[in-house]
C-alpha atoms as a PDB file:
ATOM      1  CA  UNK A   1      78.335 -49.151  27.198  1.00  0.00           C
ATOM      2  CA  UNK A   2      78.168 -50.417  23.998  1.00  0.00           C
ATOM      3  CA  UNK A   3      80.955 -51.608  21.829  1.00  0.00           C
ATOM      4  CA  UNK A   4      81.061 -51.743  18.486  1.00  0.00           C
ATOM      5  CA  UNK A   5      84.237 -54.446  17.167  1.00  0.00           C
ATOM      6  CA  UNK A   6      84.763 -53.489  13.311  1.00  0.00           C
ATOM      7  CA  UNK A   7      86.845 -56.218  11.205  1.00  0.00           C
ATOM      8  CA  UNK A   8      88.855 -54.263   9.095  1.00  0.00           C
ATOM      9  CA  UNK A   9      87.408 -53.775   5.399  1.00  0.00           C
ATOM     10  CA  UNK A  10      88.259 -56.106   2.305  1.00  0.00           C
ATOM     11  CA  UNK A  11      92.524 -55.136   1.741  1.00  0.00           C
ATOM     12  CA  UNK A  12      94.419 -55.739  -0.969  1.00  0.00           C
ATOM     13  CA  UNK A  13      96.833 -59.347  -1.544  1.00  0.00           C
ATOM     14  CA  UNK A  14     100.326 -58.815   0.400  1.00  0.00           C
ATOM     15  CA  UNK A  15     101.996 -59.998  -2.843  1.00  0.00           C
ATOM     16  CA  UNK A  16     100.451 -56.896  -4.653  1.00  0.00           C
ATOM     17  CA  UNK A  17     100.443 -54.246  -1.615  1.00  0.00           C
ATOM     18  CA  UNK A  18     103.157 -54.890   1.194  1.00  0.00           C
ATOM     19  CA  UNK A  19     100.976 -52.378   2.832  1.00  0.00           C
ATOM     20  CA  UNK A  20      97.975 -54.380   2.509  1.00  0.00           C
ATOM     21  CA  UNK A  21      95.402 -50.957   1.396  1.00  0.00           C
ATOM     22  CA  UNK A  22      92.123 -51.382   1.232  1.00  0.00           C
ATOM     23  CA  UNK A  23      90.866 -52.886  -1.834  1.00  0.00           C
ATOM     24  CA  UNK A  24      88.416 -51.207  -4.327  1.00  0.00           C
ATOM     25  CA  UNK A  25      85.695 -53.268  -2.917  1.00  0.00           C
ATOM     26  CA  UNK A  26      86.868 -52.742   0.569  1.00  0.00           C
ATOM     27  CA  UNK A  27      86.470 -49.485   0.229  1.00  0.00           C
ATOM     28  CA  UNK A  28      82.929 -49.849  -1.579  1.00  0.00           C
ATOM     29  CA  UNK A  29      81.963 -52.192   1.503  1.00  0.00           C
ATOM     30  CA  UNK A  30      82.908 -49.579   4.434  1.00  0.00           C
ATOM     31  CA  UNK A  31      81.118 -46.952   3.027  1.00  0.00           C
ATOM     32  CA  UNK A  32      78.119 -48.451   2.293  1.00  0.00           C
ATOM     33  CA  UNK A  33      78.140 -49.817   5.953  1.00  0.00           C
ATOM     34  CA  UNK A  34      79.133 -46.265   7.458  1.00  0.00           C
ATOM     35  CA  UNK A  35      76.345 -44.554   5.613  1.00  0.00           C
ATOM     36  CA  UNK A  36      73.563 -47.213   6.757  1.00  0.00           C
ATOM     37  CA  UNK A  37      74.267 -46.955  10.492  1.00  0.00           C
ATOM     38  CA  UNK A  38      74.985 -43.391  10.317  1.00  0.00           C
ATOM     39  CA  UNK A  39      71.358 -42.614   8.847  1.00  0.00           C
ATOM     40  CA  UNK A  40      69.478 -45.686  10.852  1.00  0.00           C
ATOM     41  CA  UNK A  41      71.144 -46.107  13.759  1.00  0.00           C
ATOM     42  CA  UNK A  42      72.042 -44.103  16.858  1.00  0.00           C
ATOM     43  CA  UNK A  43      75.365 -45.429  16.899  1.00  0.00           C
ATOM     44  CA  UNK A  44      77.534 -42.443  18.310  1.00  0.00           C
ATOM     45  CA  UNK A  45      81.038 -42.876  19.889  1.00  0.00           C
ATOM     46  CA  UNK A  46      83.524 -40.591  21.393  1.00  0.00           C
ATOM     47  CA  UNK A  47      86.419 -41.984  19.576  1.00  0.00           C
ATOM     48  CA  UNK A  48      87.367 -44.769  17.126  1.00  0.00           C
ATOM     49  CA  UNK A  49      90.462 -46.702  17.867  1.00  0.00           C
ATOM     50  CA  UNK A  50      92.570 -48.838  15.712  1.00  0.00           C
ATOM     51  CA  UNK A  51      95.253 -51.222  15.376  1.00  0.00           C
ATOM     52  CA  UNK A  52      97.737 -49.218  13.458  1.00  0.00           C
ATOM     53  CA  UNK A  53      97.869 -51.617  10.554  1.00  0.00           C
ATOM     54  CA  UNK A  54      96.711 -49.687   7.171  1.00  0.00           C
ATOM     55  CA  UNK A  55      93.375 -51.309   6.464  1.00  0.00           C
ATOM     56  CA  UNK A  56      92.678 -50.858  10.009  1.00  0.00           C
ATOM     57  CA  UNK A  57      93.148 -47.335  10.194  1.00  0.00           C
ATOM     58  CA  UNK A  58      92.216 -46.699   6.657  1.00  0.00           C
ATOM     59  CA  UNK A  59      88.342 -48.635   8.003  1.00  0.00           C
ATOM     60  CA  UNK A  60      88.587 -46.401  10.897  1.00  0.00           C
ATOM     61  CA  UNK A  61      88.769 -42.791   8.795  1.00  0.00           C
ATOM     62  CA  UNK A  62      85.764 -43.903   6.427  1.00  0.00           C
ATOM     63  CA  UNK A  63      83.746 -44.740   9.812  1.00  0.00           C
ATOM     64  CA  UNK A  64      85.128 -41.401  11.257  1.00  0.00           C
ATOM     65  CA  UNK A  65      83.590 -39.503   8.272  1.00  0.00           C
ATOM     66  CA  UNK A  66      80.245 -40.653   8.784  1.00  0.00           C
ATOM     67  CA  UNK A  67      80.033 -40.888  12.501  1.00  0.00           C
ATOM     68  CA  UNK A  68      82.253 -37.543  13.231  1.00  0.00           C
ATOM     69  CA  UNK A  69      83.538 -38.719  16.868  1.00  0.00           C
ATOM     70  CA  UNK A  70      84.530 -35.205  18.725  1.00  0.00           C
ATOM     71  CA  UNK A  71      87.939 -37.548  19.575  1.00  0.00           C
ATOM     72  CA  UNK A  72      88.632 -38.641  16.134  1.00  0.00           C
ATOM     73  CA  UNK A  73      90.478 -41.889  15.739  1.00  0.00           C
ATOM     74  CA  UNK A  74      94.096 -43.061  17.188  1.00  0.00           C
ATOM     75  CA  UNK A  75      95.774 -45.605  17.245  1.00  0.00           C
ATOM     76  CA  UNK A  76      95.318 -48.191  20.258  1.00  0.00           C
ATOM     77  CA  UNK A  77      98.013 -50.792  21.670  1.00  0.00           C
ATOM     78  CA  UNK A  78      96.783 -54.471  21.714  1.00  0.00           C
ATOM     79  CA  UNK A  79      94.725 -54.962  18.674  1.00  0.00           C
ATOM     80  CA  UNK A  80      97.108 -56.626  16.416  1.00  0.00           C
ATOM     81  CA  UNK A  81      95.793 -59.962  15.370  1.00  0.00           C
ATOM     82  CA  UNK A  82      97.316 -62.464  17.280  1.00  0.00           C
ATOM     83  CA  UNK A  83      96.899 -59.711  20.506  1.00  0.00           C
ATOM     84  CA  UNK A  84      95.617 -61.099  23.598  1.00  0.00           C
ATOM     85  CA  UNK A  85      92.493 -60.512  24.106  1.00  0.00           C
ATOM     86  CA  UNK A  86      92.376 -60.363  27.774  1.00  0.00           C
ATOM     87  CA  UNK A  87      94.177 -56.833  27.782  1.00  0.00           C
ATOM     88  CA  UNK A  88      91.341 -55.187  26.204  1.00  0.00           C
ATOM     89  CA  UNK A  89      88.659 -57.200  28.307  1.00  0.00           C
ATOM     90  CA  UNK A  90      90.039 -55.637  31.167  1.00  0.00           C
ATOM     91  CA  UNK A  91      90.598 -52.057  29.509  1.00  0.00           C
ATOM     92  CA  UNK A  92      86.720 -52.496  28.759  1.00  0.00           C
ATOM     93  CA  UNK A  93      85.592 -53.438  32.339  1.00  0.00           C
ATOM     94  CA  UNK A  94      86.967 -50.206  33.306  1.00  0.00           C
ATOM     95  CA  UNK A  95      85.275 -48.005  30.311  1.00  0.00           C
ATOM     96  CA  UNK A  96      82.305 -45.884  30.662  1.00  0.00           C
ATOM     97  CA  UNK A  97      81.912 -44.659  27.280  1.00  0.00           C
ATOM     98  CA  UNK A  98      81.354 -46.252  23.953  1.00  0.00           C
ATOM     99  CA  UNK A  99      83.560 -46.935  22.025  1.00  0.00           C
ATOM    100  CA  UNK A 100      84.703 -48.379  18.398  1.00  0.00           C
ATOM    101  CA  UNK A 101      87.313 -50.876  17.761  1.00  0.00           C
ATOM    102  CA  UNK A 102      88.915 -51.492  14.331  1.00  0.00           C
ATOM    103  CA  UNK A 103      91.009 -54.442  13.952  1.00  0.00           C
ATOM    104  CA  UNK A 104      91.943 -58.066  12.873  1.00  0.00           C
ATOM    105  CA  UNK A 105      90.911 -61.822  13.139  1.00  0.00           C
ATOM    106  CA  UNK A 106      91.298 -63.753  14.981  1.00  0.00           C
ATOM    107  CA  UNK A 107      92.289 -60.882  17.629  1.00  0.00           C
ATOM    108  CA  UNK A 108      88.318 -59.285  17.220  1.00  0.00           C
ATOM    109  CA  UNK A 109      87.311 -63.213  17.404  1.00  0.00           C
ATOM    110  CA  UNK A 110      88.800 -63.678  20.959  1.00  0.00           C
ATOM    111  CA  UNK A 111      87.525 -60.449  22.726  1.00  0.00           C
ATOM    112  CA  UNK A 112      84.115 -61.221  21.575  1.00  0.00           C
ATOM    113  CA  UNK A 113      83.961 -64.792  22.743  1.00  0.00           C
ATOM    114  CA  UNK A 114      86.043 -63.499  26.071  1.00  0.00           C
ATOM    115  CA  UNK A 115      83.423 -61.108  26.585  1.00  0.00           C
ATOM    116  CA  UNK A 116      80.457 -63.066  25.636  1.00  0.00           C
ATOM    117  CA  UNK A 117      81.274 -66.418  27.100  1.00  0.00           C
ATOM    118  CA  UNK A 118      84.145 -65.974  29.290  1.00  0.00           C
ATOM    119  CA  UNK A 119      86.440 -68.003  27.191  1.00  0.00           C
ATOM    120  CA  UNK A 120      88.419 -66.987  24.078  1.00  0.00           C
ATOM    121  CA  UNK A 121      88.717 -70.311  22.551  1.00  0.00           C
ATOM    122  CA  UNK A 122      85.203 -70.204  21.843  1.00  0.00           C
ATOM    123  CA  UNK A 123      83.430 -68.292  19.186  1.00  0.00           C
ATOM    124  CA  UNK A 124      80.289 -65.984  19.981  1.00  0.00           C
ATOM    125  CA  UNK A 125      80.191 -64.141  16.554  1.00  0.00           C
ATOM    126  CA  UNK A 126      81.037 -65.044  12.550  1.00  0.00           C
ATOM    127  CA  UNK A 127      83.031 -61.643  11.433  1.00  0.00           C
ATOM    128  CA  UNK A 128      82.949 -60.194   8.639  1.00  0.00           C
ATOM    129  CA  UNK A 129      85.212 -57.356   6.853  1.00  0.00           C
ATOM    130  CA  UNK A 130      83.811 -54.133   7.208  1.00  0.00           C
ATOM    131  CA  UNK A 131      81.118 -55.429   9.182  1.00  0.00           C
ATOM    132  CA  UNK A 132      80.143 -53.799  12.642  1.00  0.00           C
ATOM    133  CA  UNK A 133      78.925 -55.961  15.669  1.00  0.00           C
ATOM    134  CA  UNK A 134      77.602 -54.184  18.449  1.00  0.00           C
ATOM    135  CA  UNK A 135      77.962 -55.746  21.999  1.00  0.00           C
ATOM    136  CA  UNK A 136      76.265 -53.909  24.925  1.00  0.00           C
ATOM    137  CA  UNK A 137      77.235 -54.529  28.572  1.00  0.00           C
ATOM    138  CA  UNK A 138      74.387 -54.163  31.348  1.00  0.00           C
ATOM    139  CA  UNK A 139      74.943 -53.018  34.721  1.00  0.00           C
ATOM    140  CA  UNK A 140      76.159 -55.849  36.320  1.00  0.00           C
ATOM    141  CA  UNK A 141      78.740 -56.301  33.658  1.00  0.00           C
ATOM    142  CA  UNK A 142      77.287 -58.782  31.823  1.00  0.00           C
ATOM    143  CA  UNK A 143      78.213 -58.261  28.126  1.00  0.00           C
ATOM    144  CA  UNK A 144      75.460 -59.442  24.970  1.00  0.00           C
ATOM    145  CA  UNK A 145      75.411 -59.719  21.408  1.00  0.00           C
ATOM    146  CA  UNK A 146      73.251 -56.524  20.404  1.00  0.00           C
ATOM    147  CA  UNK A 147      72.734 -56.410  17.078  1.00  0.00           C
ATOM    148  CA  UNK A 148      75.733 -56.754  13.819  1.00  0.00           C
ATOM    149  CA  UNK A 149      75.360 -55.203  10.274  1.00  0.00           C
ATOM    150  CA  UNK A 150      77.368 -56.340   7.200  1.00  0.00           C
ATOM    151  CA  UNK A 151      77.953 -55.350   3.812  1.00  0.00           C
ATOM    152  CA  UNK A 152      76.110 -58.076   2.706  1.00  0.00           C
ATOM    153  CA  UNK A 153      73.156 -57.092   4.098  1.00  0.00           C
ATOM    154  CA  UNK A 154      72.499 -54.040   2.717  1.00  0.00           C
ATOM    155  CA  UNK A 155      71.892 -53.037  -1.120  1.00  0.00           C
END
């Protein structure tokens, strides 16, 4: 199974936009990453799940336009910034289909650390806004970092 973890794209400051919509730079960055992975990788997911917060939803919508997941995008419980990563670690143990989760720090950071290192207190990945981190689970249930693409890597 491949798991794609995406930190939402850059959002507007809360003082400027209480809903924290994507900034112009955030929109540009997620478009760039989505276009790259749709053209240069074999990334395919049946569905994209997001936290429900505006910045995560908007990021998921851009990714969905490029990746065309058959089951679309939807809100998922337990993906808030301070959510317990064990909830998703347990769900993913049963998951068989490739999946994309669009969320927030520190949740994504703790989830990746829990999956890769077995301990959410560590750090396994340096997430970046609008970046995609691909983790892969082998047949024995062991997770590894497979690849990562960030807006800074792309022209």
